Protein backbone atom coordinates (compact mmCIF):
# COMPACT_ATOMS: atom_id res chain seq x y z
CA MET A 1 0.00 0.00 0.00
CA ARG A 2 1.42 3.36 -1.05
CA ILE A 3 0.62 6.44 0.95
CA THR A 4 -0.37 9.87 -0.33
CA ARG A 5 1.71 12.99 0.19
CA GLU A 6 -0.84 14.21 2.73
CA ARG A 7 -0.70 10.94 4.62
CA TYR A 8 3.09 10.97 4.58
CA HIS A 9 3.05 14.48 6.04
CA ALA A 10 0.69 13.31 8.78
CA ILE A 11 3.02 10.42 9.60
CA THR A 12 6.03 12.75 9.70
CA VAL A 13 4.24 14.97 12.16
CA LYS A 14 3.36 11.96 14.27
CA LEU A 15 6.96 10.74 14.29
CA ARG A 16 8.00 14.04 15.80
CA LYS A 17 6.31 12.71 18.90
CA LEU A 18 9.49 10.72 19.43
CA GLN A 19 10.99 14.04 20.45
CA GLU A 20 8.11 14.57 22.86
CA LEU A 21 8.38 11.24 24.66
CA PRO A 22 8.30 11.68 28.41
CA PRO A 23 11.52 11.31 30.40
CA LEU A 24 12.66 7.83 31.32
CA PRO A 25 10.28 6.48 34.00
CA GLN A 26 11.50 7.12 37.54
CA THR A 27 11.97 3.45 38.36
CA ALA A 28 14.07 3.04 35.23
CA GLN A 29 16.09 6.15 36.13
CA ARG A 30 16.88 4.72 39.55
CA LEU A 31 17.75 1.33 38.09
CA LEU A 32 19.98 2.98 35.49
CA ALA A 33 21.87 4.76 38.25
CA LEU A 34 22.31 1.45 40.09
CA PHE A 35 23.32 -0.27 36.85
CA GLY A 36 26.46 1.83 36.69
CA ASP A 37 27.28 1.33 40.38
CA GLU A 38 29.33 -1.81 40.89
CA ASP A 39 29.20 -1.31 44.67
CA CYS A 40 25.42 -1.14 44.98
CA GLU A 41 23.85 -3.47 47.53
CA ILE A 42 21.34 -6.18 46.73
CA GLU A 43 18.89 -4.53 49.11
CA ASP A 44 19.07 -1.26 47.13
CA VAL A 45 18.28 -3.01 43.86
CA ALA A 46 15.45 -5.06 45.39
CA ARG A 47 13.91 -2.00 47.04
CA THR A 48 14.02 -0.02 43.78
CA ILE A 49 12.43 -2.83 41.76
CA GLU A 50 9.70 -3.30 44.35
CA GLU A 51 8.58 0.30 43.73
CA CYS A 52 7.07 -1.07 40.50
CA PRO A 53 4.67 -3.99 41.14
CA ALA A 54 4.57 -5.08 37.47
CA VAL A 55 8.36 -5.42 37.28
CA THR A 56 8.44 -7.14 40.67
CA ALA A 57 5.89 -9.75 39.54
CA ARG A 58 7.84 -10.55 36.40
CA VAL A 59 11.20 -10.84 38.16
CA ILE A 60 9.77 -13.23 40.76
CA GLY A 61 7.89 -15.15 38.06
CA LEU A 62 11.02 -15.58 35.97
CA ALA A 63 13.03 -16.80 38.95
CA GLY A 64 10.38 -19.40 39.73
CA SER A 65 10.06 -20.73 36.17
CA ALA A 66 11.05 -24.23 35.08
CA TYR A 67 14.13 -22.84 33.32
CA PHE A 68 15.81 -22.33 36.70
CA ALA A 69 14.45 -25.54 38.25
CA GLN A 70 13.86 -24.18 41.75
CA THR A 71 12.52 -26.68 44.27
CA GLN A 72 11.32 -23.95 46.64
CA PRO A 73 9.08 -21.03 45.64
CA VAL A 74 10.65 -17.59 45.17
CA ARG A 75 8.72 -15.03 47.18
CA SER A 76 10.68 -11.79 46.88
CA VAL A 77 12.99 -9.86 44.57
CA GLU A 78 15.82 -10.31 47.05
CA GLU A 79 15.35 -14.10 46.98
CA ALA A 80 15.28 -13.99 43.17
CA ILE A 81 18.63 -12.18 43.18
CA ILE A 82 20.40 -14.28 45.81
CA ARG A 83 19.06 -17.75 45.05
CA VAL A 84 18.44 -17.75 41.32
CA LEU A 85 19.19 -14.93 38.92
CA GLY A 86 22.12 -12.99 40.32
CA LEU A 87 22.45 -9.26 40.76
CA GLN A 88 23.58 -8.30 37.24
CA THR A 89 20.87 -10.32 35.50
CA VAL A 90 18.13 -8.85 37.69
CA LYS A 91 19.44 -5.35 37.04
CA SER A 92 19.42 -5.96 33.27
CA LEU A 93 15.98 -7.58 33.24
CA SER A 94 14.35 -4.99 35.48
CA LEU A 95 15.88 -2.05 33.59
CA SER A 96 14.63 -3.50 30.29
CA MET A 97 11.14 -3.98 31.74
CA ALA A 98 11.01 -0.48 33.20
CA VAL A 99 12.20 1.10 29.94
CA SER A 100 9.72 -0.86 27.83
CA ASP A 101 6.83 0.02 30.13
CA ALA A 102 7.12 3.62 28.91
CA PHE A 103 5.55 2.48 25.62
CA ASP A 104 2.03 1.32 24.80
CA PRO A 105 1.86 -0.91 21.70
CA SER A 106 -1.69 -2.08 22.43
CA HIS A 107 -3.21 0.07 19.66
CA CYS A 108 -1.40 -2.01 17.04
CA PRO A 109 -3.05 -5.47 16.89
CA ALA A 110 -0.31 -6.86 14.64
CA PHE A 111 2.34 -6.18 17.27
CA SER A 112 3.04 -9.37 19.21
CA THR A 113 4.26 -8.75 22.75
CA GLU A 114 5.06 -12.45 23.06
CA ARG A 115 7.17 -12.49 19.91
CA PHE A 116 8.92 -9.25 20.87
CA TRP A 117 10.00 -10.51 24.29
CA GLY A 118 10.63 -14.03 23.03
CA SER A 119 13.11 -12.59 20.54
CA ALA A 120 14.66 -10.39 23.24
CA LEU A 121 15.09 -13.20 25.77
CA PHE A 122 16.43 -15.71 23.24
CA THR A 123 18.89 -13.15 21.86
CA ALA A 124 20.00 -12.07 25.33
CA ASN A 125 20.60 -15.65 26.45
CA LEU A 126 22.62 -16.48 23.34
CA CYS A 127 24.63 -13.27 23.74
CA ARG A 128 25.57 -14.12 27.29
CA LEU A 129 26.51 -17.71 26.43
CA LEU A 130 28.77 -16.61 23.57
CA ALA A 131 30.22 -13.35 24.91
CA GLY A 132 32.99 -14.94 26.97
CA ALA A 133 34.26 -16.82 23.90
CA VAL A 134 34.62 -13.70 21.71
CA ARG A 135 38.26 -13.11 20.79
CA THR A 136 39.13 -9.92 18.89
CA ASP A 137 41.71 -7.15 19.19
CA GLU A 138 39.08 -5.00 20.91
CA GLU A 139 38.10 -4.89 24.57
CA PRO A 140 36.55 -8.15 25.83
CA VAL A 141 32.77 -8.42 25.53
CA SER A 142 31.08 -8.49 28.92
CA PRO A 143 28.50 -11.29 29.19
CA GLU A 144 26.19 -9.11 31.27
CA GLY A 145 26.62 -6.12 28.97
CA ALA A 146 25.81 -8.37 26.03
CA TYR A 147 22.74 -9.68 27.88
CA LEU A 148 21.38 -6.15 28.39
CA CYS A 149 22.00 -5.23 24.75
CA GLY A 150 20.23 -8.40 23.65
CA LEU A 151 17.21 -7.48 25.72
CA LEU A 152 17.02 -3.93 24.35
CA HIS A 153 18.21 -4.34 20.76
CA ASN A 154 14.74 -3.88 19.25
CA LEU A 155 13.69 -0.96 21.45
CA GLY A 156 12.96 1.05 18.30
CA VAL A 157 10.15 -1.32 17.29
CA LEU A 158 8.38 -0.46 20.53
CA ALA A 159 8.99 3.25 20.03
CA LEU A 160 7.59 3.31 16.49
CA THR A 161 4.62 1.14 17.45
CA HIS A 162 3.88 3.57 20.28
CA VAL A 163 3.96 6.76 18.18
CA ALA A 164 2.56 5.35 14.91
CA PRO A 165 0.42 2.28 15.73
CA HIS A 166 -1.78 2.39 12.63
CA GLU A 167 1.15 2.79 10.27
CA MET A 168 3.05 -0.01 12.02
CA GLN A 169 -0.05 -2.19 11.65
CA THR A 170 0.28 -1.77 7.88
CA ILE A 171 4.04 -2.32 8.05
CA PHE A 172 3.77 -5.56 10.05
CA THR A 173 1.04 -6.83 7.72
CA THR A 174 3.16 -6.02 4.67
CA THR A 175 6.17 -7.96 5.99
CA LEU A 176 3.94 -10.99 6.55
CA GLU A 177 2.52 -10.79 3.03
CA GLU A 178 5.92 -10.04 1.47
CA PRO A 179 8.42 -12.04 3.56
CA GLU A 180 11.27 -11.27 1.18
CA ARG A 181 11.22 -7.66 2.41
CA THR A 182 12.82 -6.60 5.67
CA LEU A 183 10.97 -4.74 8.40
CA ALA A 184 13.40 -1.81 8.07
CA ASP A 185 12.79 -1.53 4.31
CA VAL A 186 9.04 -1.31 4.79
CA GLU A 187 9.42 1.13 7.70
CA ASN A 188 11.55 3.43 5.58
CA GLU A 189 9.02 3.26 2.74
CA HIS A 190 6.07 4.16 4.94
CA LEU A 191 7.65 6.27 7.66
CA GLY A 192 10.93 7.54 6.27
CA LEU A 193 12.55 6.12 9.40
CA ASP A 194 13.47 2.64 10.62
CA HIS A 195 13.48 1.10 14.08
CA TYR A 196 17.29 1.12 14.26
CA ARG A 197 17.49 4.90 14.09
CA ALA A 198 14.38 5.39 16.23
CA GLY A 199 15.69 3.07 18.94
CA ALA A 200 19.15 4.64 18.97
CA TRP A 201 17.60 8.09 19.28
CA VAL A 202 15.43 7.05 22.23
CA SER A 203 18.33 5.23 23.91
CA SER A 204 20.56 8.30 23.57
CA ARG A 205 17.85 10.67 24.79
CA TRP A 206 17.24 8.53 27.86
CA HIS A 207 20.98 8.21 28.53
CA LEU A 208 21.05 4.43 28.42
CA PRO A 209 24.58 2.97 28.45
CA PRO A 210 26.37 4.16 25.27
CA GLU A 211 27.09 0.60 24.14
CA VAL A 212 23.32 -0.05 24.13
CA THR A 213 22.77 2.91 21.80
CA THR A 214 25.57 1.75 19.50
CA VAL A 215 24.22 -1.80 19.33
CA ILE A 216 20.65 -0.68 18.62
CA GLU A 217 21.82 1.49 15.73
CA HIS A 218 24.37 -0.85 14.16
CA TYR A 219 23.64 -4.48 15.06
CA ARG A 220 22.20 -5.30 11.63
CA GLU A 221 25.32 -4.03 9.82
CA TYR A 222 27.62 -6.96 9.00
CA ASN A 223 30.55 -4.66 8.21
CA TYR A 224 30.23 -2.15 11.04
CA ARG A 225 33.66 -1.77 12.68
CA GLY A 226 33.20 1.34 14.79
CA ARG A 227 33.04 1.58 18.55
CA ASN A 228 31.82 -1.61 20.29
CA TRP A 229 31.68 -3.45 16.97
CA PRO A 230 32.23 -6.94 18.46
CA LEU A 231 29.22 -6.41 20.72
CA ALA A 232 27.10 -5.08 17.83
CA LEU A 233 28.13 -7.99 15.58
CA LEU A 234 27.41 -10.51 18.35
CA VAL A 235 23.93 -9.10 18.95
CA GLY A 236 23.21 -9.03 15.22
CA PHE A 237 24.35 -12.62 14.79
CA THR A 238 22.36 -13.91 17.77
CA SER A 239 19.30 -11.88 16.76
CA ARG A 240 19.27 -13.49 13.32
CA TRP A 241 19.88 -16.89 14.91
CA THR A 242 16.94 -16.27 17.23
CA GLN A 243 14.62 -15.48 14.31
CA GLN A 244 15.59 -18.80 12.77
CA LEU A 245 15.04 -20.64 16.06
CA LEU A 246 11.54 -19.19 16.31
CA LEU A 247 10.77 -20.33 12.76
CA ASP A 248 12.59 -23.70 12.69
CA PRO A 249 14.13 -24.89 15.99
CA GLU A 250 15.77 -27.89 14.32
CA ARG A 251 17.89 -25.89 11.92
CA LEU A 252 21.40 -24.87 13.06
CA TRP A 253 22.06 -21.23 12.24
CA HIS A 254 25.50 -20.68 10.79
CA GLU A 255 27.20 -17.40 9.78
CA PRO A 256 30.84 -18.36 9.25
CA ASP A 257 31.99 -14.80 8.52
CA ALA A 258 30.49 -13.42 11.73
CA ILE A 259 31.78 -16.34 13.82
CA GLU A 260 35.27 -15.92 12.36
CA ALA A 261 35.27 -12.14 12.89
CA LEU A 262 34.27 -12.66 16.51
CA GLY A 263 36.91 -15.35 17.00
CA ILE A 264 34.44 -17.77 18.59
CA PRO A 265 35.81 -21.35 18.56
CA HIS A 266 33.62 -23.75 16.59
CA GLY A 267 33.57 -26.15 19.53
CA HIS A 268 32.04 -23.48 21.73
CA MET A 269 29.47 -22.65 19.05
CA GLU A 270 28.43 -26.29 18.85
CA LYS A 271 28.15 -26.50 22.63
CA VAL A 272 25.95 -23.40 22.85
CA ALA A 273 23.81 -24.57 19.94
CA ALA A 274 23.23 -27.96 21.56
CA GLN A 275 22.43 -26.39 24.93
CA THR A 276 20.02 -23.91 23.36
CA HIS A 277 18.17 -26.51 21.31
CA GLN A 278 17.72 -28.68 24.40
CA ARG A 279 16.17 -25.78 26.33
CA ILE A 280 14.00 -24.11 23.70
CA SER A 281 10.76 -25.04 25.45
CA GLU A 282 12.05 -23.74 28.79
CA ILE A 283 13.14 -20.43 27.26
CA ALA A 284 9.72 -20.21 25.62
CA GLU A 285 8.19 -20.64 29.08
CA LEU A 286 10.33 -17.76 30.32
CA THR A 287 8.70 -15.65 27.64
CA GLN A 288 5.21 -16.72 28.74
CA VAL A 289 5.99 -15.77 32.35
CA PHE A 290 7.49 -12.48 31.23
CA VAL A 291 4.56 -11.53 29.02
CA GLY A 292 1.99 -12.84 31.50
CA GLY A 293 3.22 -10.35 34.09
CA HIS A 294 3.22 -7.47 31.64
């Protein structure tokens, strides 16, 4: 569907609402401050998360899911941190939840919250499993930093769905009907903007960690070699792998150029692939818990 000049102008005006987005929610602001504080106490993180009941419910639900095989119920954020998830993972998960809660995609029926978070959780898990094996001439890739970037890499999809739900409805429908076209191509045709640029703009405006902004903007670029390129390449690789897993769990995703550029040993790749395929149903349950508490 092509849009008229008048309609395009209306969309352009609507997209300016990106510049009018409210500040980062207060819970997210507090979590962001704690994210950069390596000396923060577990109690501080738990208390901050518990200011937001929706985030609290999801953190506790995730900790109690089958993926983590707990024999005793998890009843508090502090228990989730100490017994199951660990401080860094809880900080990443809760920050991602708090940031995403600033957007309302409910006016776009074609937007799938389950698919969005399924992709985010699968990508984040793969990033963390592979990060420690990355070997380049750049700084080492932090597993927890990679996990956060995996969770937030498609932030721009949420932003565009929030400010232009009807247009994104058409865009999502078009990509289903024309699977050979990428989401970004259709976004640029209809909006003159794609979710990479939108997400990077929002991330920068909200002062998320700079590596998050870089990854959001560049993760789909195979040949990007700017700042934090190993992290961006890793997130791009795992994101594409995730899309394949969601379509065909039995097929092993293989990008030899990306794997070679990242210096990941083939033995480690095979180990992570086997582990991931064995736990697909459990990761899918994580998504159900996550979305159910949303």
